Amino acid sequence: MHSTHQDCRQELALANHILANEGILDAFGHVSVRHPGRSGNFLLSVSCAPELVRPDDIVEYGPDSEPVEPLSAAQYSERYIHGEIYRLRPDVQAICHHHSPAVMPFCITGRPLVPVYQHGALIGGQVPLWDSRDEFGDTNLLVVNAQQGASLARAMGDAWIVLMRHHGATVSGVSLREMVFRAVAASRNAELLYRALALGDAPGLTAGEIQRASQLPPAAIDRAWGLWSRRVAQD
């Protein structure tokens, strides 16, 4: 839990910068965190490139994915991804939607994204793939209303990541820092799996390995966060 609302906004802005600097986000994608004092609400930036997000750009949204106060700035059209996952998953405290080039081949082909190295265990044993056509037919591939967001949340189920056909991925976590770690690890895992498949068969981790390796100590998450924060500060 963040000590103050302002601390939460500052860390959320930093999370945006880290994920952009680590190649997970580009001009598009977005990151949110559950409100520290009102669990039904969440914090999300106004619509801008993640690398440019400032604490003052971050606003509070209600359970309906609408700002709690009048807002003149443009909003992310896909904010419903966040609102509907928070609604369905009380354990989720942070969410990122991205179009990482490492993950996109698996969104396009439908080939299973399986964990193949230690930190890759954080993606879990099975990553679901959501196909918007199943309920909505042909769309522009964006999640632009509560119905589509709820469909995506149901497809995610109790997993931490859901791939989106021909679109990207949505990653969640029990804290903002853990979610950032998972988003980076999932993309690294996708890179390694893609390269391994070029050499031949690429078996994933066993169920026991996934269970044990996914129990990442907070110190490991903080170590990575410290490095990624330093990289952002040096840019």
Foldseek 3Di string as FASTA:
>chain_A
DDPDQLSVLQVLLLLLQLCCVLQFFDFDKWKKFQRPPDRQKIKTFARTRSNPDDSVRIFIAGLQLHGPDDDDGHHDQQSLLVSLLSVVDVQWGMKIWGARPLCLVCLAPVDWQAFQDLLSLQQPGGAAEDELCVPPNDDPQGRRHNVSSNSQSVRCPPTQKHRYRNGTIMGTDNGSLVRSSNSSSSSVRSNVVVVVVVVPDRDHDDNVSSVVSNPDDVVVSVVVSVVSSVVSVVD
